[in-house]
Amino acid sequence: MTHPIQKTDAEWRQLLADKHAEPAAFEVTRHAATERPFTGKYEQHWADGSYHCVCCGAKLFDANTKFDAGCGWPSFSLAIPGAIEERRDVSHGMVRVETVCANCGAHLGHVFPDGPTDTGLRYCMNSAALDFEAK
């Protein structure tokens, strides 16, 4: 799918470097890598505010939808409407639902139907794909 924001790998690398993004941000967002569990800067981050795509700045989640899933990655029960695109992912011998930024196509993580809130969803995100904006 074509997204509103398109850049070359070199342009994404430069943008992320200019933002002082985590070293893994390019591989996570542009090549669907995954950070190791319990290592991301937002895994145990509980401030009030919102989480945005590290690549384009699109708002993805409100902090009040974040919960501790115990899985090692930041988890959310509800995305901002229209902010995330879902894709079938059959990599690594599993069938999952990949989540990408609807604005720029950045890989964010996966969504699972096992969340503890009324949505029943667990958006399991890579910290390297996110920026936090305090309220």
C-alpha atoms as a PDB file:
ATOM      1  CA  MET A   1       0.000   0.000   0.000  1.00  0.00           C
ATOM      2  CA  THR A   2       1.127   3.522  -0.700  1.00  0.00           C
ATOM      3  CA  HIS A   3       1.187   5.828   2.295  1.00  0.00           C
ATOM      4  CA  PRO A   4       0.938   9.643   2.261  1.00  0.00           C
ATOM      5  CA  ILE A   5       4.575  10.007   3.353  1.00  0.00           C
ATOM      6  CA  GLN A   6       7.148   8.298   1.124  1.00  0.00           C
ATOM      7  CA  LYS A   7      10.941   8.435   1.565  1.00  0.00           C
ATOM      8  CA  THR A   8      13.954   6.430   0.488  1.00  0.00           C
ATOM      9  CA  ASP A   9      15.866   4.327   3.015  1.00  0.00           C
ATOM     10  CA  ALA A  10      18.596   6.977   3.007  1.00  0.00           C
ATOM     11  CA  GLU A  11      16.061   9.703   3.776  1.00  0.00           C
ATOM     12  CA  TRP A  12      14.520   7.648   6.629  1.00  0.00           C
ATOM     13  CA  ARG A  13      17.984   6.953   8.059  1.00  0.00           C
ATOM     14  CA  GLN A  14      18.841  10.648   7.998  1.00  0.00           C
ATOM     15  CA  LEU A  15      15.504  11.704   9.503  1.00  0.00           C
ATOM     16  CA  LEU A  16      15.867   9.226  12.368  1.00  0.00           C
ATOM     17  CA  ALA A  17      19.494  10.255  12.946  1.00  0.00           C
ATOM     18  CA  ASP A  18      18.463  13.920  13.036  1.00  0.00           C
ATOM     19  CA  LYS A  19      15.809  13.052  15.654  1.00  0.00           C
ATOM     20  CA  HIS A  20      18.396  11.125  17.731  1.00  0.00           C
ATOM     21  CA  ALA A  21      16.144   8.076  17.553  1.00  0.00           C
ATOM     22  CA  GLU A  22      17.264   4.823  19.134  1.00  0.00           C
ATOM     23  CA  PRO A  23      19.883   2.949  17.068  1.00  0.00           C
ATOM     24  CA  ALA A  24      17.363   0.179  16.260  1.00  0.00           C
ATOM     25  CA  ALA A  25      14.676   2.585  15.032  1.00  0.00           C
ATOM     26  CA  PHE A  26      15.523   2.290  11.331  1.00  0.00           C
ATOM     27  CA  GLU A  27      15.599  -1.524  11.299  1.00  0.00           C
ATOM     28  CA  VAL A  28      12.433  -1.758  13.401  1.00  0.00           C
ATOM     29  CA  THR A  29      10.364   0.787  11.478  1.00  0.00           C
ATOM     30  CA  ARG A  30      11.559   0.264   7.919  1.00  0.00           C
ATOM     31  CA  HIS A  31      12.480  -3.460   7.937  1.00  0.00           C
ATOM     32  CA  ALA A  32      10.083  -4.914  10.566  1.00  0.00           C
ATOM     33  CA  ALA A  33      12.784  -5.873  13.060  1.00  0.00           C
ATOM     34  CA  THR A  34      11.804  -6.385  16.701  1.00  0.00           C
ATOM     35  CA  GLU A  35      13.586  -5.080  19.759  1.00  0.00           C
ATOM     36  CA  ARG A  36      14.356  -7.561  22.509  1.00  0.00           C
ATOM     37  CA  PRO A  37      11.669  -7.835  25.210  1.00  0.00           C
ATOM     38  CA  PHE A  38      12.072  -5.737  28.368  1.00  0.00           C
ATOM     39  CA  THR A  39      14.696  -3.482  26.728  1.00  0.00           C
ATOM     40  CA  GLY A  40      12.608  -0.665  25.213  1.00  0.00           C
ATOM     41  CA  LYS A  41      12.534   2.765  26.825  1.00  0.00           C
ATOM     42  CA  TYR A  42       8.711   2.858  26.931  1.00  0.00           C
ATOM     43  CA  GLU A  43       8.085  -0.642  28.288  1.00  0.00           C
ATOM     44  CA  GLN A  44       7.757   0.643  31.886  1.00  0.00           C
ATOM     45  CA  HIS A  45       6.981   4.281  31.050  1.00  0.00           C
ATOM     46  CA  TRP A  46       3.770   5.538  32.687  1.00  0.00           C
ATOM     47  CA  ALA A  47       3.632   9.334  32.166  1.00  0.00           C
ATOM     48  CA  ASP A  48       0.512  11.145  30.960  1.00  0.00           C
ATOM     49  CA  GLY A  49       0.581  12.105  27.293  1.00  0.00           C
ATOM     50  CA  SER A  50       0.560  10.415  23.906  1.00  0.00           C
ATOM     51  CA  TYR A  51       2.686   8.120  21.784  1.00  0.00           C
ATOM     52  CA  HIS A  52       3.583   9.050  18.214  1.00  0.00           C
ATOM     53  CA  CYS A  53       5.264   7.419  15.222  1.00  0.00           C
ATOM     54  CA  VAL A  54       9.017   8.055  15.496  1.00  0.00           C
ATOM     55  CA  CYS A  55       9.230   8.408  11.707  1.00  0.00           C
ATOM     56  CA  CYS A  56       6.462  10.877  10.857  1.00  0.00           C
ATOM     57  CA  GLY A  57       5.090  12.098  14.199  1.00  0.00           C
ATOM     58  CA  ALA A  58       1.543  10.814  13.674  1.00  0.00           C
ATOM     59  CA  LYS A  59      -0.329  10.311  16.959  1.00  0.00           C
ATOM     60  CA  LEU A  60      -0.912   6.597  17.530  1.00  0.00           C
ATOM     61  CA  PHE A  61      -1.975   6.043  21.158  1.00  0.00           C
ATOM     62  CA  ASP A  62      -3.072   7.995  24.210  1.00  0.00           C
ATOM     63  CA  ALA A  63      -1.103   7.062  27.327  1.00  0.00           C
ATOM     64  CA  ASN A  64      -4.316   6.256  29.211  1.00  0.00           C
ATOM     65  CA  THR A  65      -4.767   3.189  26.952  1.00  0.00           C
ATOM     66  CA  LYS A  66      -1.364   1.737  27.948  1.00  0.00           C
ATOM     67  CA  PHE A  67      -1.233  -1.251  30.296  1.00  0.00           C
ATOM     68  CA  ASP A  68       1.347  -3.687  31.612  1.00  0.00           C
ATOM     69  CA  ALA A  69       0.859  -6.895  29.647  1.00  0.00           C
ATOM     70  CA  GLY A  70       3.977  -8.479  31.105  1.00  0.00           C
ATOM     71  CA  CYS A  71       5.165  -9.314  27.581  1.00  0.00           C
ATOM     72  CA  GLY A  72       8.193  -7.003  27.532  1.00  0.00           C
ATOM     73  CA  TRP A  73       6.911  -4.408  25.077  1.00  0.00           C
ATOM     74  CA  PRO A  74       4.686  -1.360  25.539  1.00  0.00           C
ATOM     75  CA  SER A  75       1.085  -2.518  25.220  1.00  0.00           C
ATOM     76  CA  PHE A  76      -2.040  -0.510  24.453  1.00  0.00           C
ATOM     77  CA  SER A  77      -5.720  -1.406  24.363  1.00  0.00           C
ATOM     78  CA  LEU A  78      -6.860   1.158  21.792  1.00  0.00           C
ATOM     79  CA  ALA A  79      -5.236   3.002  18.895  1.00  0.00           C
ATOM     80  CA  ILE A  80      -6.166   6.464  17.681  1.00  0.00           C
ATOM     81  CA  PRO A  81      -8.868   5.857  15.011  1.00  0.00           C
ATOM     82  CA  GLY A  82      -7.336   5.675  11.533  1.00  0.00           C
ATOM     83  CA  ALA A  83      -3.738   5.917  12.785  1.00  0.00           C
ATOM     84  CA  ILE A  84      -2.782   2.266  12.343  1.00  0.00           C
ATOM     85  CA  GLU A  85      -3.057  -0.073   9.404  1.00  0.00           C
ATOM     86  CA  GLU A  86      -3.213  -3.810  10.054  1.00  0.00           C
ATOM     87  CA  ARG A  87      -1.631  -6.471   7.821  1.00  0.00           C
ATOM     88  CA  ARG A  88      -1.545 -10.261   7.934  1.00  0.00           C
ATOM     89  CA  ASP A  89       1.958 -11.397   8.929  1.00  0.00           C
ATOM     90  CA  VAL A  90       2.984 -15.014   8.363  1.00  0.00           C
ATOM     91  CA  SER A  91       6.701 -14.568   9.114  1.00  0.00           C
ATOM     92  CA  HIS A  92       8.652 -16.674  11.629  1.00  0.00           C
ATOM     93  CA  GLY A  93       6.275 -19.628  11.311  1.00  0.00           C
ATOM     94  CA  MET A  94       3.379 -17.752  12.948  1.00  0.00           C
ATOM     95  CA  VAL A  95       0.197 -16.040  11.815  1.00  0.00           C
ATOM     96  CA  ARG A  96      -0.072 -12.590  13.399  1.00  0.00           C
ATOM     97  CA  VAL A  97      -1.469  -9.156  12.647  1.00  0.00           C
ATOM     98  CA  GLU A  98       1.266  -6.602  11.974  1.00  0.00           C
ATOM     99  CA  THR A  99       0.610  -2.949  12.760  1.00  0.00           C
ATOM    100  CA  VAL A 100       2.067  -0.124  10.676  1.00  0.00           C
ATOM    101  CA  CYS A 101       1.655   3.637  10.773  1.00  0.00           C
ATOM    102  CA  ALA A 102      -1.122   4.559   8.340  1.00  0.00           C
ATOM    103  CA  ASN A 103       0.700   7.790   7.519  1.00  0.00           C
ATOM    104  CA  CYS A 104       4.191   6.523   6.612  1.00  0.00           C
ATOM    105  CA  GLY A 105       4.080   2.710   6.718  1.00  0.00           C
ATOM    106  CA  ALA A 106       6.494   2.362   9.643  1.00  0.00           C
ATOM    107  CA  HIS A 107       6.393  -1.063  11.268  1.00  0.00           C
ATOM    108  CA  LEU A 108       5.205  -0.615  14.861  1.00  0.00           C
ATOM    109  CA  GLY A 109       4.608  -4.126  16.177  1.00  0.00           C
ATOM    110  CA  HIS A 110       1.630  -6.491  16.278  1.00  0.00           C
ATOM    111  CA  VAL A 111      -1.896  -6.557  17.664  1.00  0.00           C
ATOM    112  CA  PHE A 112      -3.305  -9.578  19.468  1.00  0.00           C
ATOM    113  CA  PRO A 113      -6.909 -10.407  20.506  1.00  0.00           C
ATOM    114  CA  ASP A 114      -5.972 -11.148  24.132  1.00  0.00           C
ATOM    115  CA  GLY A 115      -6.088  -7.761  25.832  1.00  0.00           C
ATOM    116  CA  PRO A 116      -7.568  -7.427  29.322  1.00  0.00           C
ATOM    117  CA  THR A 117      -9.763  -4.366  28.645  1.00  0.00           C
ATOM    118  CA  ASP A 118     -13.173  -4.095  27.014  1.00  0.00           C
ATOM    119  CA  THR A 119     -11.548  -3.791  23.555  1.00  0.00           C
ATOM    120  CA  GLY A 120     -10.022  -7.252  23.948  1.00  0.00           C
ATOM    121  CA  LEU A 121      -6.943  -5.983  22.077  1.00  0.00           C
ATOM    122  CA  ARG A 122      -3.256  -5.830  22.957  1.00  0.00           C
ATOM    123  CA  TYR A 123      -1.291  -3.564  20.658  1.00  0.00           C
ATOM    124  CA  CYS A 124       2.237  -4.803  21.374  1.00  0.00           C
ATOM    125  CA  MET A 125       4.579  -2.059  20.116  1.00  0.00           C
ATOM    126  CA  ASN A 126       8.327  -1.579  19.768  1.00  0.00           C
ATOM    127  CA  SER A 127       9.604   1.371  21.824  1.00  0.00           C
ATOM    128  CA  ALA A 128      12.047   2.121  18.992  1.00  0.00           C
ATOM    129  CA  ALA A 129       9.061   2.896  16.740  1.00  0.00           C
ATOM    130  CA  LEU A 130       7.562   5.414  19.176  1.00  0.00           C
ATOM    131  CA  ASP A 131       8.085   8.953  20.428  1.00  0.00           C
ATOM    132  CA  PHE A 132       6.352  10.156  23.588  1.00  0.00           C
ATOM    133  CA  GLU A 133       4.801  13.592  23.991  1.00  0.00           C
ATOM    134  CA  ALA A 134       4.064  14.559  27.596  1.00  0.00           C
ATOM    135  CA  LYS A 135       0.722  16.166  28.375  1.00  0.00           C
END
